[in-house]
Structure formats: C-alpha cells, structure tokens
Protein backbone atom coordinates (compact mmCIF):
# COMPACT_ATOMS: atom_id res chain seq x y z
CA MET A 1 5.77 17.95 -3.27
CA THR A 2 3.06 19.63 -1.18
CA VAL A 3 0.28 18.40 1.43
CA ALA A 4 -3.08 18.56 -0.37
CA ALA A 5 -5.42 21.14 1.02
CA THR A 6 -8.37 18.70 0.76
CA ALA A 7 -10.00 16.32 3.18
CA GLY A 8 -8.53 15.37 6.60
CA PRO A 9 -8.07 17.14 9.85
CA THR A 10 -5.04 19.39 10.24
CA MET A 11 -2.74 21.11 12.75
CA VAL A 12 0.03 23.58 12.91
CA TRP A 13 3.28 22.95 15.21
CA ASP A 14 5.53 25.74 15.62
CA ALA A 15 9.19 24.70 16.20
CA HIS A 16 10.12 27.95 17.71
CA GLY A 17 13.45 28.18 15.91
CA PRO A 18 15.31 26.45 13.10
CA TYR A 19 13.99 22.98 12.34
CA SER A 20 15.11 20.34 9.97
CA LEU A 21 12.25 18.09 8.85
CA HIS A 22 14.59 15.47 6.82
CA GLY A 23 17.20 15.69 9.59
CA THR A 24 14.68 14.84 12.33
CA LEU A 25 12.59 12.20 10.64
CA GLY A 26 15.20 10.73 8.34
CA ILE A 27 16.15 8.12 11.09
CA ILE A 28 12.37 6.67 11.07
CA GLY A 29 12.67 5.21 7.48
CA ARG A 30 14.39 1.62 6.88
CA GLY A 31 16.12 2.35 3.48
CA PRO A 32 14.94 3.84 0.40
CA ALA A 33 12.60 0.82 -0.21
CA ASP A 34 10.52 1.55 3.05
CA LYS A 35 7.23 2.66 1.54
CA THR A 36 5.87 3.61 5.03
CA ILE A 37 7.82 7.06 4.65
CA ARG A 38 8.32 9.37 2.07
CA LEU A 39 10.70 12.63 2.22
CA ALA A 40 10.44 15.27 -0.18
CA PRO A 41 11.93 18.87 -0.37
CA GLY A 42 10.02 20.59 2.51
CA ALA A 43 7.39 17.84 3.01
CA ALA A 44 7.18 14.27 4.56
CA TRP A 45 4.67 11.62 4.48
CA LEU A 46 4.26 8.76 6.85
CA ALA A 47 1.60 5.86 7.00
CA PHE A 48 1.00 3.77 10.08
CA ASN A 49 -1.36 2.04 12.42
CA THR A 50 -3.09 3.76 15.13
CA PRO A 51 -5.52 2.29 18.08
CA SER A 52 -8.18 3.86 15.78
CA GLY A 53 -7.06 2.13 12.55
CA PRO A 54 -4.55 3.30 9.78
CA ALA A 55 -3.65 6.47 9.09
CA THR A 56 -1.55 8.83 6.69
CA LEU A 57 0.22 11.85 7.97
CA GLY A 58 1.39 14.60 5.64
CA ILE A 59 3.64 17.43 6.94
CA ASN A 60 4.71 20.65 5.16
CA GLN A 61 7.35 22.86 6.49
CA GLN A 62 6.82 26.64 6.09
CA GLY A 63 9.89 28.39 7.92
CA ASN A 64 9.41 27.36 11.65
CA GLU A 65 5.91 26.13 11.27
CA LEU A 66 5.23 22.64 10.41
CA HIS A 67 1.60 21.96 8.72
CA ALA A 68 0.13 18.75 9.26
CA ARG A 69 -2.99 16.95 7.79
CA ALA A 70 -4.08 13.44 8.20
CA TRP A 71 -6.16 10.90 6.54
CA GLY A 72 -8.13 7.69 7.60
CA PRO A 73 -9.80 6.21 10.48
CA GLY A 74 -6.52 7.01 12.68
CA ALA A 75 -6.21 10.56 11.47
CA ASP A 76 -7.15 12.36 14.82
CA HIS A 77 -4.99 9.91 16.75
CA ALA A 78 -2.17 10.48 14.40
CA LEU A 79 -2.26 14.37 14.76
CA THR A 80 -2.00 14.23 18.65
CA GLY A 81 1.31 12.61 18.05
CA VAL A 82 2.81 15.04 15.69
CA PRO A 83 4.46 17.16 18.43
CA ALA A 84 6.18 14.38 19.84
CA LEU A 85 7.12 13.09 16.45
CA LEU A 86 8.45 16.30 15.41
CA GLY A 87 10.59 16.41 18.55
CA THR A 88 9.04 18.93 21.02
CA HIS A 89 10.00 16.77 23.98
CA ASP A 90 13.67 16.71 22.77
CA ASP A 91 15.71 19.03 25.01
CA TRP A 92 19.23 20.01 24.00
CA SER A 93 19.62 22.88 26.39
CA HIS A 94 22.04 20.97 28.68
CA PHE A 95 24.16 19.59 25.75
CA ASP A 96 24.25 23.06 24.39
CA SER A 97 25.21 24.85 27.72
CA PRO A 98 28.73 26.35 27.61
CA GLY A 99 30.10 24.13 30.44
CA PHE A 100 29.03 20.89 28.82
CA ALA A 101 29.69 21.74 25.25
CA ALA A 102 33.28 22.50 26.46
CA THR A 103 33.99 18.87 27.28
CA LEU A 104 32.73 17.65 23.87
CA PRO A 105 35.18 16.79 21.12
CA ARG A 106 35.74 19.42 18.56
CA ALA A 107 34.10 17.62 15.66
CA VAL A 108 30.96 17.17 17.60
CA ARG A 109 30.87 20.87 18.83
CA ASP A 110 31.21 22.00 15.13
CA ALA A 111 28.51 19.52 13.96
CA ARG A 112 26.14 20.61 16.50
CA ARG A 113 26.81 24.45 15.53
CA ARG A 114 26.02 23.49 11.78
CA HIS A 115 22.81 21.18 12.90
CA GLN A 116 20.92 23.32 15.34
CA ALA A 117 17.88 22.47 13.42
CA VAL A 118 17.91 18.68 14.11
CA ARG A 119 15.76 17.08 16.77
CA LEU A 120 15.33 13.53 18.08
CA PRO A 121 11.83 12.22 17.09
CA SER A 122 9.63 10.24 19.06
CA THR A 123 7.07 7.91 17.15
CA GLY A 124 5.52 5.99 20.21
CA ARG A 125 5.17 2.91 17.90
CA MET A 126 6.87 0.21 19.41
CA VAL A 127 5.85 -2.72 17.13
CA ASP A 128 6.67 -0.53 13.84
CA ALA A 129 10.20 -0.08 15.27
CA LEU A 130 10.81 -3.55 16.85
CA VAL A 131 9.98 -5.58 13.72
CA PRO A 132 12.72 -4.12 11.29
CA ALA A 133 15.12 -4.03 14.33
CA ILE A 134 14.50 -7.60 14.93
CA LEU A 135 15.06 -8.30 10.97
CA GLU A 136 18.38 -6.60 11.17
CA GLN A 137 19.95 -9.16 13.72
CA LYS A 138 22.59 -11.46 12.54
CA VAL A 139 22.51 -10.26 8.93
CA THR A 140 23.80 -7.27 7.26
CA SER A 141 21.81 -3.93 6.84
CA LEU A 142 21.30 -4.44 3.23
CA GLU A 143 19.87 -7.94 3.51
CA ALA A 144 17.49 -6.82 6.54
CA LEU A 145 16.32 -3.70 4.41
CA ARG A 146 15.49 -6.00 1.37
CA SER A 147 13.67 -8.42 3.67
CA TYR A 148 11.68 -5.70 5.16
CA ALA A 149 10.75 -4.12 1.91
CA VAL A 150 9.57 -7.50 0.65
CA LEU A 151 7.34 -7.96 3.49
CA LEU A 152 5.86 -4.59 3.16
CA ARG A 153 4.92 -5.10 -0.17
CA ARG A 154 3.50 -8.51 0.22
CA PHE A 155 1.51 -7.82 3.42
CA GLY A 156 1.25 -3.97 3.84
CA THR A 157 -1.93 -2.13 3.02
CA GLU A 158 -2.59 0.95 0.84
CA ALA A 159 -2.27 4.02 2.90
CA PRO A 160 -5.42 6.11 3.55
CA GLY A 161 -6.18 8.67 0.94
CA VAL A 162 -4.06 6.98 -1.73
CA GLY A 163 -6.06 7.28 -5.12
CA ALA A 164 -8.75 9.38 -3.51
CA ASP A 165 -6.35 12.65 -2.78
CA PRO A 166 -4.15 13.51 -5.69
CA GLY A 167 -1.77 14.76 -2.86
CA VAL A 168 -0.77 11.54 -1.21
CA PRO A 169 2.01 9.46 -2.87
CA HIS A 170 0.46 6.76 -4.88
CA ASN A 171 2.89 4.09 -3.34
CA LEU A 172 2.70 4.77 0.28
CA LEU A 173 1.97 1.75 2.42
CA VAL A 174 0.85 1.07 6.05
CA ALA A 175 2.83 -1.74 7.74
CA PRO A 176 1.09 -4.77 8.94
CA THR A 177 -0.80 -4.97 12.17
CA PRO A 178 0.31 -7.04 14.93
CA ALA A 179 -2.11 -9.66 14.00
CA GLN A 180 -1.26 -9.48 10.19
CA TRP A 181 2.55 -10.09 11.08
CA ALA A 182 1.71 -12.89 13.23
CA ALA A 183 -0.56 -14.58 10.50
CA ILE A 184 2.47 -14.49 7.90
CA PRO A 185 3.15 -18.11 6.88
CA SER A 186 6.59 -19.47 7.66
CA TRP A 187 7.46 -20.12 3.98
CA GLU A 188 6.60 -16.23 3.24
CA TRP A 189 9.30 -15.31 5.90
CA HIS A 190 11.53 -17.70 4.03
CA LYS A 191 10.91 -16.10 0.70
CA ALA A 192 11.55 -12.96 2.17
CA GLY A 193 15.05 -14.08 3.27
CA VAL A 194 14.21 -14.13 7.09
CA GLY A 195 15.41 -17.20 8.96
CA PRO A 196 13.37 -19.01 11.61
CA GLN A 197 15.20 -17.47 14.59
CA ARG A 198 14.25 -14.01 13.53
CA SER A 199 10.90 -14.60 12.52
CA ALA A 200 10.26 -16.58 15.82
CA THR A 201 11.45 -13.59 17.73
CA ILE A 202 9.24 -11.42 15.92
CA VAL A 203 6.14 -13.70 16.83
CA ARG A 204 7.00 -13.85 20.46
CA MET A 205 7.35 -10.15 20.34
CA LEU A 206 3.88 -9.82 18.87
CA ARG A 207 2.30 -11.95 21.62
CA ALA A 208 3.07 -9.00 23.81
CA ALA A 209 2.18 -6.34 21.48
CA SER A 210 -0.49 -4.48 23.53
CA GLY A 211 1.90 -4.44 26.45
CA LEU A 212 4.76 -3.14 24.46
CA GLU A 213 2.70 -0.21 23.25
CA ARG A 214 2.32 0.84 26.73
CA LEU A 215 5.94 0.96 27.11
CA ALA A 216 5.87 4.02 24.85
CA LYS A 217 4.69 5.86 27.92
CA LEU A 218 7.72 4.89 30.25
CA PRO A 219 11.00 6.44 30.24
CA ALA A 220 13.39 5.22 27.60
CA ALA A 221 15.63 3.36 29.82
CA GLU A 222 12.99 1.33 31.66
CA ALA A 223 11.11 0.76 28.34
CA GLY A 224 14.41 -0.67 26.85
CA ALA A 225 14.97 -2.83 29.89
CA ARG A 226 11.52 -4.42 29.68
CA MET A 227 11.81 -4.97 26.00
CA GLN A 228 14.78 -7.25 26.86
CA SER A 229 12.71 -9.74 28.85
CA ILE A 230 11.49 -10.90 25.47
CA PRO A 231 13.81 -13.71 24.50
CA GLY A 232 15.84 -12.75 21.45
CA VAL A 233 15.45 -8.86 22.20
CA GLY A 234 18.66 -7.75 23.38
CA VAL A 235 20.39 -4.29 24.16
CA TRP A 236 21.30 -3.63 20.54
CA THR A 237 17.57 -4.16 19.42
CA ALA A 238 16.12 -2.12 22.48
CA ALA A 239 18.39 0.74 21.78
CA GLU A 240 17.49 0.69 18.14
CA VAL A 241 13.84 0.97 18.96
CA THR A 242 14.05 3.54 21.77
CA GLN A 243 15.95 5.89 19.64
CA ARG A 244 12.77 6.06 17.32
CA THR A 245 10.01 5.57 19.81
CA HIS A 246 11.36 7.64 22.58
CA GLY A 247 13.82 10.13 21.07
CA ASP A 248 16.20 8.40 23.22
CA ALA A 249 19.04 10.74 23.74
CA ASP A 250 21.55 8.24 25.62
CA GLN A 251 21.17 4.68 24.63
CA VAL A 252 23.78 3.44 21.83
CA ALA A 253 23.52 0.43 19.77
CA VAL A 254 25.92 -2.11 21.77
CA GLY A 255 26.73 -4.92 19.68
CA ASP A 256 27.11 -3.11 16.48
CA TYR A 257 30.53 -3.51 15.23
CA HIS A 258 30.41 -0.85 12.60
CA LEU A 259 29.35 1.79 15.32
CA ALA A 260 31.87 0.70 17.92
CA ALA A 261 34.66 0.77 15.53
CA TYR A 262 33.53 4.41 13.96
CA VAL A 263 33.01 5.74 17.35
CA GLY A 264 36.73 4.33 18.14
CA TRP A 265 38.11 5.89 15.19
CA ALA A 266 36.31 9.30 15.67
CA LEU A 267 37.24 9.65 19.38
CA ALA A 268 40.39 7.76 19.81
CA GLY A 269 41.89 7.33 16.40
CA LYS A 270 41.67 3.61 16.58
CA PRO A 271 38.97 0.72 16.32
CA VAL A 272 37.49 -0.20 19.52
CA ASP A 273 34.98 -2.83 21.02
CA ASP A 274 31.72 -2.30 22.59
CA THR A 275 33.47 -1.84 26.08
CA GLY A 276 35.74 0.58 24.60
CA MET A 277 32.95 2.54 22.78
CA LEU A 278 31.11 2.86 26.17
CA GLU A 279 34.26 3.92 27.97
CA LEU A 280 34.86 6.73 25.36
CA LEU A 281 31.21 7.86 25.64
CA GLU A 282 30.95 7.71 29.32
CA PRO A 283 31.62 11.45 30.05
CA TRP A 284 28.67 12.41 28.18
CA ARG A 285 26.32 9.83 29.66
CA GLY A 286 22.64 10.87 29.28
CA HIS A 287 23.66 12.38 25.92
CA ARG A 288 25.72 9.50 24.43
CA GLN A 289 23.35 9.11 21.52
CA ARG A 290 23.21 12.81 21.03
CA VAL A 291 27.19 12.64 20.72
CA VAL A 292 26.86 9.86 18.03
CA ARG A 293 24.27 11.69 16.07
CA MET A 294 26.60 14.73 15.90
CA LEU A 295 29.60 12.48 14.88
CA GLN A 296 27.54 10.90 12.08
CA LEU A 297 26.55 14.47 10.81
CA SER A 298 29.95 15.96 11.10
CA GLY A 299 31.02 14.11 8.10
CA PHE A 300 33.85 12.04 9.77
CA ARG A 301 34.53 8.80 7.82
CA LYS A 302 36.68 5.94 9.49
CA PRO A 303 39.57 4.97 7.48
CA MET A 304 39.08 2.10 5.01
CA PHE A 305 42.16 0.30 6.12
CA GLY A 306 43.90 -1.09 9.24
CA PRO A 307 43.77 -4.45 11.02
CA ARG A 308 40.81 -6.68 10.62
CA MET A 309 38.85 -7.58 13.55
CA THR A 310 36.54 -10.44 14.34
CA ILE A 311 33.07 -9.30 14.25
CA GLN A 312 31.07 -10.68 17.05
CA ASP A 313 27.18 -9.76 16.57
CA HIS A 314 25.70 -9.68 19.70
CA ARG A 315 22.46 -7.86 18.57
CA GLY A 316 20.16 -10.80 19.18
CA HIS A 317 21.44 -11.57 22.68
C-alpha cells in the first residue's frame, strides 16, 4: 500500500536513525476492527477529528524518512502533529545510557537492543483515547473492542479522501466528535454491549471535552491526575490514555490484573498484584512504561498454569 501522490498537503519527517512505523503506531489502534487506523507494510493510515474538522493522514516510510500526506478540512492541523505522533519528543537517551541500562533486567536490555527503532507516539487526542479506554472498564478486552467497533461502524463518518482518492483505504472511518458521542441514544449503547455505568462515564467525560483537549499540552503526570477528577476515570484509565496521547514513558496500567501478573512472572518469577508490580518497577521510575514495553517486545510469556488469583478490577475506580 502506498500513499497516493495526489491532492492534500505533504511533509517529510526525518527519524535520524532506525525507525519502526508499525512498532511505534501499533499501540494506537484498538484491535483489528478499529477502522480509524490501518497499518500496511511500510505505510500507515489514520483518520481523526481536529479543531479544523476531520482529517485523513497517510504515512509512507522510506528508510529513515517518513513521508506524510493529509486530506480533509483538518489536513494542515493533522500535519502539524506528525512529528509528535511519530515520536520526535520520545527521548530514550537516559534509558540507553550505560549506567542505567546496566540496572535493567537482561530480557529488557536484549529487547531494547533488538528494538532500537521503536518510539512512543503522542497523538494529543484526549477524547479519541478516553472513549475506548472507558469502554474497557469492567469487561474483557474482546468485549470492549467489539463494542468500540460496533459504535464506530454505526456512528463514525467516512474519512476524507475515501472514494475521491484511490490511495485512501475504502473503509477508513473517523470516530464520532464529542457532540456525536454525546448524542448516541441509550439503547444504541446497550445494543453495542455497553452498560449504563460506562456510557454515563463517557457522557460525563464529554461534558469536559474542550478542557480535556487542553490537557494534551500538560506533562503526562499532571494530565493523568486531572483526568481522574472526572467520576469514573481512575488511575488505570488515565494511564491507558497518557500512554497514547503523551507518549508517557512512566505510567503503567495499575488495576489491570493481567499486566501485574505478567510483570511479576517476568521480573520475579511469580504473579504479583498491583502493589507488587509497582515495587518491582520502582528502580526504573520515570521509565516504567518503557520497561513494560520492552518486556512485551521481548517475547516473554507468563506460564499458563499456577495458583488462581481473584481478579479485582479497579480500572474504573
């Protein structure tokens, strides 16, 4: 798949070194049915709302250069965010320094050597990250991904350029605007498998949508703390958001049983709870999310056996 060489403003961003487009942007999508993003060999497509209107962004990788083209009323705005989206502000120099690297577990060091090309992306799009994160509260990931896909198909809009430019994927969608999310009737949430507690949290969040977008300008920790002033948005949800909107290198998803158990097995050879996970990661505070990301890229898999633990899901607290 290649980005079409017709209509739409363009820009080129130089990564100044090895770069993995899929490794960087893969965290943004919410499962294979998320029609707001498409990844293909050497290319990526994203569709989203901007203050100027909807936009489609197509990115081609040519060596260390990333060539971007945008369509739609928000095209210029979309292009201004390309460097941050691709990880220009993501600084691994301290993490990679000999003194710090020597403190890391071998699996993390080895994974980092193999994945020098991965960056942490910053979308700056608070609502786009918050809605699917709230949908994942109190349910399995598969249920949440299905609900989000259903709502996108029902209430999303066709991405700019679809049908007019043969280079734009035909089924690319723009997620609803805050006003469109807020206007979804209660029965449509129900049909999508979203209970009243989660839909109410989304509606409360949308009342502060304009203020939320301003949080993208704040440091990740401060933005995460302010998000938690919204009833129903807790530390898990805030971390899930800032990892995508801010390229948050530190916050981890406290309240996710699977993550705590995974980190425990990887670093201590046994499952742990949230407190245990934070204790294990404390030596690398400031880079805890980088450590988790490298563990996930290391190929480590926790054992499929062992004592059963009671799952206490605090994601919405």
